[in-house]
Protein backbone atom coordinates (compact mmCIF):
# COMPACT_ATOMS: atom_id res chain seq x y z
CA MET A 1 17.43 -2.38 -8.03
CA SER A 2 13.89 -1.88 -6.76
CA VAL A 3 13.26 -2.21 -3.03
CA THR A 4 9.67 -3.32 -3.76
CA ARG A 5 9.28 -7.02 -4.47
CA ILE A 6 5.45 -7.22 -4.71
CA GLU A 7 2.89 -4.54 -5.47
CA VAL A 8 -0.82 -5.26 -5.19
CA LYS A 9 -3.02 -2.40 -6.41
CA ASP A 10 -6.82 -2.06 -6.12
CA LEU A 11 -7.22 -5.84 -6.14
CA VAL A 12 -10.79 -7.11 -6.45
CA VAL A 13 -11.81 -10.79 -6.37
CA ARG A 14 -15.45 -11.82 -6.80
CA TYR A 15 -17.23 -15.14 -6.51
CA GLY A 16 -20.45 -14.52 -8.43
CA ASP A 17 -22.18 -11.60 -6.69
CA GLN A 18 -20.02 -11.92 -3.57
CA VAL A 19 -16.96 -9.65 -3.28
CA ALA A 20 -14.24 -11.58 -1.41
CA VAL A 21 -11.50 -8.93 -1.81
CA ASP A 22 -12.58 -5.33 -2.27
CA GLY A 23 -9.96 -2.89 -3.61
CA VAL A 24 -6.96 -4.07 -1.57
CA SER A 25 -3.61 -2.29 -2.12
CA PHE A 26 -0.20 -2.89 -0.49
CA THR A 27 3.48 -3.43 -1.24
CA VAL A 28 6.01 -5.95 0.08
CA GLY A 29 9.65 -4.87 0.30
CA ARG A 30 12.61 -6.98 -0.73
CA GLY A 31 13.40 -9.39 2.13
CA GLU A 32 10.28 -8.36 4.06
CA HIS A 33 8.02 -10.79 5.90
CA LEU A 34 4.47 -9.44 5.58
CA THR A 35 1.51 -11.12 7.27
CA LEU A 36 -2.14 -10.96 6.23
CA LEU A 37 -4.10 -11.37 9.46
CA GLY A 38 -7.83 -11.68 9.96
CA PRO A 39 -10.76 -13.97 10.77
CA SER A 40 -12.09 -16.68 8.46
CA GLY A 41 -13.73 -15.21 5.38
CA CYS A 42 -11.90 -11.85 5.53
CA GLY A 43 -10.20 -12.33 2.13
CA LYS A 44 -6.62 -12.99 3.28
CA THR A 45 -6.18 -16.42 1.66
CA THR A 46 -7.96 -15.25 -1.51
CA THR A 47 -5.48 -12.35 -1.73
CA LEU A 48 -2.54 -14.75 -1.29
CA ARG A 49 -3.88 -17.12 -3.94
CA ALA A 50 -4.38 -14.21 -6.35
CA ILE A 51 -0.67 -13.29 -5.94
CA ALA A 52 0.22 -16.93 -6.68
CA GLY A 53 -2.04 -17.00 -9.74
CA LEU A 54 -4.36 -19.61 -8.20
CA GLU A 55 -7.33 -17.21 -8.16
CA GLN A 56 -8.59 -15.10 -11.06
CA PRO A 57 -9.14 -11.51 -9.86
CA SER A 58 -11.88 -9.25 -11.23
CA GLY A 59 -9.93 -6.01 -11.07
CA GLY A 60 -6.68 -4.32 -10.12
CA SER A 61 -3.09 -5.38 -10.75
CA ILE A 62 -0.31 -7.53 -9.26
CA THR A 63 3.38 -6.85 -9.93
CA ILE A 64 6.31 -9.04 -8.82
CA ASP A 65 9.87 -7.74 -9.23
CA GLY A 66 8.67 -5.03 -11.60
CA GLN A 67 6.94 -7.57 -13.87
CA THR A 68 3.17 -7.35 -14.29
CA MET A 69 1.65 -10.71 -13.34
CA TYR A 70 -1.96 -9.59 -13.50
CA ASP A 71 -3.57 -6.44 -14.84
CA ALA A 72 -7.31 -6.19 -15.40
CA ALA A 73 -7.03 -3.11 -17.65
CA GLN A 74 -4.38 -4.75 -19.86
CA ARG A 75 -6.11 -8.15 -19.67
CA ARG A 76 -2.76 -9.65 -18.74
CA VAL A 77 -2.56 -12.88 -16.73
CA VAL A 78 0.79 -14.65 -16.21
CA PRO A 79 0.41 -18.37 -15.34
CA THR A 80 1.36 -19.52 -11.84
CA GLU A 81 4.43 -21.48 -12.97
CA GLN A 82 5.93 -18.36 -14.60
CA ARG A 83 5.59 -16.07 -11.56
CA GLY A 84 8.72 -17.18 -9.70
CA VAL A 85 6.77 -17.80 -6.48
CA SER A 86 6.59 -20.82 -4.21
CA MET A 87 3.78 -21.73 -1.83
CA VAL A 88 3.68 -23.56 1.50
CA PHE A 89 0.22 -24.92 2.28
CA GLN A 90 -1.64 -25.62 5.51
CA SER A 91 -1.93 -29.30 4.53
CA TYR A 92 1.86 -29.65 3.83
CA ALA A 93 1.07 -31.40 0.48
CA VAL A 94 3.95 -33.83 1.11
CA TRP A 95 3.76 -36.98 -1.03
CA PRO A 96 3.73 -39.97 1.38
CA HIS A 97 5.03 -42.49 -1.22
CA MET A 98 8.23 -40.48 -1.80
CA THR A 99 11.34 -40.06 0.33
CA VAL A 100 12.20 -36.71 1.90
CA PHE A 101 14.83 -36.16 -0.82
CA ASP A 102 12.41 -36.87 -3.66
CA ASN A 103 9.75 -34.60 -2.17
CA VAL A 104 12.18 -31.69 -2.10
CA ALA A 105 13.59 -32.58 -5.54
CA TYR A 106 10.18 -32.74 -7.23
CA GLY A 107 9.97 -29.08 -8.27
CA LEU A 108 13.57 -29.12 -9.49
CA ARG A 109 12.93 -32.19 -11.65
CA VAL A 110 9.88 -30.48 -13.15
CA ARG A 111 12.25 -27.59 -14.03
CA LYS A 112 14.60 -30.17 -15.60
CA GLN A 113 17.62 -29.36 -13.43
CA GLY A 114 20.71 -31.49 -13.99
CA ALA A 115 21.49 -34.27 -11.50
CA GLU A 116 24.46 -32.57 -9.81
CA GLU A 117 22.78 -29.17 -9.51
CA LEU A 118 19.58 -30.84 -8.29
CA LYS A 119 21.41 -32.82 -5.59
CA ALA A 120 23.27 -29.70 -4.39
CA ASN A 121 20.05 -27.64 -4.20
CA VAL A 122 18.12 -30.36 -2.35
CA GLU A 123 20.92 -30.85 0.18
CA ARG A 124 21.22 -27.08 0.70
CA ALA A 125 17.46 -26.80 1.33
CA LEU A 126 17.45 -29.80 3.70
CA ASP A 127 20.43 -28.37 5.61
CA LEU A 128 18.52 -25.12 6.12
CA VAL A 129 15.61 -26.95 7.76
CA GLN A 130 17.89 -29.43 9.58
CA MET A 131 16.49 -32.48 7.74
CA ARG A 132 19.45 -33.73 5.68
CA HIS A 133 19.96 -36.75 7.97
CA LEU A 134 16.43 -37.88 7.05
CA ALA A 135 16.83 -37.49 3.28
CA ASP A 136 16.23 -41.22 2.61
CA ARG A 137 13.30 -41.61 5.00
CA GLY A 138 9.80 -42.16 3.60
CA ALA A 139 7.63 -39.05 4.08
CA SER A 140 4.83 -41.16 5.62
CA LYS A 141 7.14 -41.93 8.57
CA LEU A 142 7.61 -38.24 9.50
CA SER A 143 5.94 -36.30 12.30
CA GLY A 144 3.79 -33.25 11.53
CA GLY A 145 6.62 -30.87 12.32
CA GLN A 146 9.05 -32.81 10.11
CA GLN A 147 6.55 -32.83 7.23
CA GLN A 148 6.20 -29.07 7.54
CA ARG A 149 9.99 -28.73 7.34
CA VAL A 150 10.00 -30.84 4.16
CA ALA A 151 7.29 -28.60 2.66
CA LEU A 152 9.40 -25.55 3.54
CA ALA A 153 12.58 -27.10 2.05
CA ARG A 154 10.69 -27.90 -1.16
CA ALA A 155 9.44 -24.29 -1.32
CA ILE A 156 12.94 -22.76 -1.06
CA ALA A 157 14.90 -25.39 -3.05
CA PHE A 158 14.67 -23.53 -6.38
CA SER A 159 15.45 -20.11 -4.83
CA PRO A 160 12.08 -18.50 -5.62
CA THR A 161 11.57 -14.73 -5.80
CA VAL A 162 8.73 -14.91 -3.27
CA VAL A 163 7.48 -17.54 -0.81
CA LEU A 164 3.77 -17.52 0.06
CA PHE A 165 2.61 -19.20 3.30
CA ASP A 166 -1.04 -20.22 3.72
CA GLU A 167 -1.52 -20.89 7.47
CA PRO A 168 1.42 -23.35 7.42
CA LEU A 169 1.54 -24.01 11.18
CA SER A 170 -2.16 -24.34 11.98
CA ASN A 171 -2.11 -28.18 11.92
CA LEU A 172 0.66 -28.40 14.53
CA ASP A 173 0.14 -28.62 18.28
CA ALA A 174 0.63 -25.42 20.31
CA LYS A 175 4.16 -26.20 21.57
CA LEU A 176 5.50 -27.25 18.17
CA ARG A 177 3.78 -24.29 16.52
CA ALA A 178 5.63 -21.91 18.87
CA GLU A 179 8.96 -23.64 18.11
CA MET A 180 8.35 -23.56 14.34
CA ARG A 181 7.57 -19.82 14.49
CA VAL A 182 11.07 -19.18 15.84
CA GLU A 183 12.69 -21.44 13.22
CA LEU A 184 10.67 -19.90 10.39
CA ARG A 185 11.60 -16.37 11.45
CA GLU A 186 15.30 -17.24 11.73
CA LEU A 187 15.29 -18.95 8.32
CA GLN A 188 13.50 -16.03 6.67
CA ARG A 189 16.05 -13.56 8.06
CA ARG A 190 19.04 -15.74 7.18
CA LEU A 191 17.96 -16.21 3.55
CA GLY A 192 16.46 -12.74 3.08
CA ILE A 193 13.31 -14.36 1.70
CA THR A 194 10.51 -12.06 0.60
CA SER A 195 7.38 -13.65 2.00
CA VAL A 196 3.65 -13.15 2.43
CA TYR A 197 2.16 -15.14 5.29
CA VAL A 198 -1.53 -15.78 6.00
CA THR A 199 -2.84 -16.56 9.49
CA HIS A 200 -5.84 -15.99 11.75
CA ASP A 201 -3.58 -16.36 14.82
CA GLN A 202 -2.78 -12.84 16.07
CA GLU A 203 -0.02 -14.05 18.40
CA GLU A 204 1.70 -15.73 15.47
CA ALA A 205 1.35 -12.61 13.30
CA LEU A 206 2.84 -10.34 15.95
CA ALA A 207 5.74 -12.73 16.64
CA ILE A 208 7.07 -13.34 13.12
CA SER A 209 6.22 -10.29 10.99
CA ASP A 210 8.03 -7.17 9.84
CA ARG A 211 4.61 -5.68 9.04
CA VAL A 212 1.04 -6.87 9.53
CA ILE A 213 -2.04 -6.17 7.42
CA VAL A 214 -5.27 -6.65 9.38
CA MET A 215 -8.13 -7.57 7.05
CA ASN A 216 -11.88 -7.66 7.64
CA VAL A 217 -14.70 -8.50 5.18
CA GLY A 218 -12.46 -8.09 2.14
CA VAL A 219 -10.85 -4.75 3.03
CA ILE A 220 -7.74 -3.59 4.91
CA GLU A 221 -8.41 -2.24 8.40
CA GLN A 222 -4.81 -1.29 9.21
CA ILE A 223 -1.22 -1.77 8.02
CA GLY A 224 1.71 -1.39 10.41
CA THR A 225 4.51 -3.02 12.36
CA PRO A 226 3.41 -5.49 15.06
CA GLU A 227 4.08 -2.80 17.68
CA GLU A 228 1.98 -0.21 15.80
CA ILE A 229 -0.91 -2.64 15.32
CA TYR A 230 -0.88 -3.62 19.01
CA ASN A 231 -0.15 -0.24 20.61
CA ARG A 232 -2.01 2.06 18.20
CA PRO A 233 -5.09 0.24 16.85
CA ARG A 234 -7.01 2.54 14.50
CA SER A 235 -10.42 0.85 14.73
CA ARG A 236 -12.53 -1.10 17.19
CA PHE A 237 -12.09 -4.20 15.02
CA VAL A 238 -8.27 -4.07 15.23
CA ALA A 239 -8.33 -3.33 18.98
CA ASP A 240 -10.70 -6.25 19.52
CA PHE A 241 -9.16 -8.78 17.13
CA VAL A 242 -5.46 -8.23 17.87
CA GLY A 243 -4.76 -8.81 21.56
CA SER A 244 -7.14 -8.11 24.42
CA ALA A 245 -8.52 -4.59 24.94
CA ASN A 246 -11.12 -2.74 26.99
CA ILE A 247 -13.33 -0.47 24.86
CA ILE A 248 -14.61 2.62 26.71
CA LYS A 249 -17.41 4.78 25.26
CA GLY A 250 -17.58 8.57 25.41
CA ARG A 251 -16.50 11.56 23.32
CA PRO A 252 -13.45 13.82 22.80
CA SER A 253 -13.58 16.82 25.17
CA GLY A 254 -10.55 18.86 24.13
CA GLU A 255 -7.09 18.20 22.79
CA GLY A 256 -5.82 14.91 24.20
CA LEU A 257 -8.88 14.47 26.45
CA PHE A 258 -11.78 12.00 26.35
CA ALA A 259 -14.95 12.30 28.47
CA THR A 260 -16.34 8.84 29.23
CA GLU A 261 -20.03 8.01 29.62
CA GLY A 262 -19.28 7.31 33.29
CA GLY A 263 -18.27 10.94 33.86
CA VAL A 264 -14.50 10.39 33.99
CA THR A 265 -12.19 12.49 31.82
CA LEU A 266 -9.17 10.58 30.53
CA LYS A 267 -5.97 11.72 28.87
CA ALA A 268 -5.70 9.88 25.54
CA VAL A 269 -3.69 9.68 22.30
CA ALA A 270 -4.75 9.08 18.69
CA SER A 271 -3.00 7.35 15.78
CA HIS A 272 -5.09 9.44 13.35
CA LYS A 273 -6.06 13.11 13.12
CA PRO A 274 -9.13 13.37 15.42
CA HIS A 275 -12.25 14.98 13.91
CA GLY A 276 -14.43 15.10 17.03
CA LYS A 277 -16.86 12.33 16.03
CA GLU A 278 -14.93 9.52 17.73
CA SER A 279 -16.86 7.69 20.43
CA GLU A 280 -14.46 5.07 21.85
CA VAL A 281 -11.01 4.59 23.33
CA ALA A 282 -9.16 1.26 23.64
CA ILE A 283 -7.02 0.29 26.65
CA ARG A 284 -5.01 -2.93 26.42
CA THR A 285 -5.59 -5.30 29.34
CA ALA A 286 -1.81 -5.76 29.76
CA TYR A 287 -1.17 -2.02 30.16
CA ILE A 288 -3.29 -1.43 33.27
CA ASP A 289 -1.88 -1.42 36.80
CA LEU A 290 -3.92 -1.66 40.01
CA GLU A 291 -1.88 0.83 42.01
CA PRO A 292 -1.40 4.54 41.18
CA ARG A 293 1.56 5.74 39.10
CA ALA A 294 2.56 9.38 38.58
CA GLY A 295 1.29 10.91 35.32
CA ASP A 296 -1.23 8.13 34.69
CA ASN A 297 -4.99 8.16 34.37
CA HIS A 298 -6.36 7.13 37.81
CA VAL A 299 -9.81 5.63 38.47
CA PRO A 300 -10.95 3.92 41.73
CA GLY A 301 -12.33 0.40 41.41
CA THR A 302 -13.20 -2.87 43.12
CA VAL A 303 -12.06 -6.40 42.23
CA ARG A 304 -15.17 -8.30 41.15
CA GLN A 305 -13.47 -11.49 39.92
CA ARG A 306 -10.04 -13.12 39.86
CA LEU A 307 -9.14 -15.88 37.40
CA PHE A 308 -5.77 -17.70 37.44
CA HIS A 309 -4.42 -18.45 33.91
CA GLY A 310 -0.92 -19.68 34.80
CA ASP A 311 1.24 -17.08 33.04
CA PHE A 312 -1.06 -14.26 34.18
CA VAL A 313 -3.98 -13.51 36.48
CA GLN A 314 -7.06 -11.91 34.96
CA TYR A 315 -9.06 -9.53 37.13
CA VAL A 316 -12.47 -8.03 36.37
CA ILE A 317 -12.60 -4.58 38.00
CA ASP A 318 -15.81 -2.62 38.56
CA SER A 319 -15.31 1.14 38.10
CA ALA A 320 -16.88 4.32 36.73
CA LEU A 321 -15.45 3.23 33.34
CA GLY A 322 -17.58 0.07 33.53
CA PRO A 323 -16.18 -3.44 34.09
CA LEU A 324 -12.51 -3.55 33.04
CA ILE A 325 -10.40 -6.62 32.34
CA VAL A 326 -6.86 -6.39 33.72
CA ARG A 327 -4.10 -8.97 33.18
CA LEU A 328 -1.15 -8.98 35.61
CA PRO A 329 1.70 -11.35 36.53
CA PRO A 330 0.62 -14.07 39.03
CA VAL A 331 2.27 -12.41 42.06
CA ASN A 332 0.86 -10.37 44.96
CA LEU A 333 -2.63 -11.68 44.25
CA LEU A 334 -5.58 -9.41 45.08
CA ASP A 335 -8.72 -10.77 46.75
CA GLU A 336 -12.16 -10.41 45.23
CA GLY A 337 -13.81 -7.36 46.82
CA ALA A 338 -10.50 -5.50 47.31
CA ALA A 339 -10.44 -1.75 46.63
CA VAL A 340 -7.89 -0.76 43.97
CA THR A 341 -6.78 2.23 41.90
CA ILE A 342 -6.88 1.57 38.17
CA SER A 343 -3.83 3.22 36.60
CA PHE A 344 -2.83 3.44 32.92
CA SER A 345 -0.66 5.75 30.83
CA PRO A 346 -2.28 8.26 28.42
CA GLU A 347 -0.22 6.68 25.60
CA HIS A 348 -2.04 3.40 26.27
CA CYS A 349 -5.47 5.04 26.08
CA VAL A 350 -5.97 5.14 22.29
CA LEU A 351 -8.73 7.08 20.55
CA LEU A 352 -10.35 4.88 17.87
CA GLU A 353 -11.56 6.12 14.50
CA ALA A 354 -15.33 6.59 14.25
């Protein structure tokens, strides 16, 4: 049995003269939770809709479970309802005039399931999202979080091959969104669902994904695990968009060394094979200390500004590297004007591709 559930190859989607998705290729493994992450207009939702059959691509191919769903060269297009996929939308798409049970049963009735089998599948799906006790409640009387659970139960009720999520938590408040992330991740692992998830929220992407694809203006910037994307960004865009990073300009000056414009030589690492034309390194704000540690890069600095954010304190430090942003736990607070030693590991000083 194949370990690849979805294969997208050289996918192109155009709207008139505008290219929304430009030659995107990736695979999704069986039971994997893959997230397409990027800003508005980067092509992530268009890619998801093309997998579902809701967008007509201009080129490339899409395969699900070894079956070709779209192939430009073969002029093959399988309709959405025959692709074995289910979709959870940002707007929930829950019918307010129906009960919770009838909302979840809708897709099964369309597939003409028998009454006993239908009831068993609806109850199983509602149990999974902890909503069975509300089966007879009208959907209009549910909270936002409960409606999202109903949408999720409806999506998994007919045991689809693939579940596609289009920013499903973006309409929830911050606290409920964080809770639903945990529930969604646990449910995905428990059921072994193969899923593709779209979001512009980098914190959400890092928290729930097996792998993340960072997209920008219709192309893929980087594919990797959340840890790889965060710790080893390949480009300035990824370093800037995912998490908070300081970008330092300069040039490579030998193996594992980077000479900054401020005249400081730093020890650095690269997630690609350097070719000598790189001009920037990225240093995550969370990976900088303000006291020296053995084996680290050390640069003297002065605290220009201190901002209290609750969970962390953000400092702006003036140094030969330029102004650096540093985020530390809210203990042992430093005063503005204090002299400090900026300290960060070479493995957290990442050479970016030119």
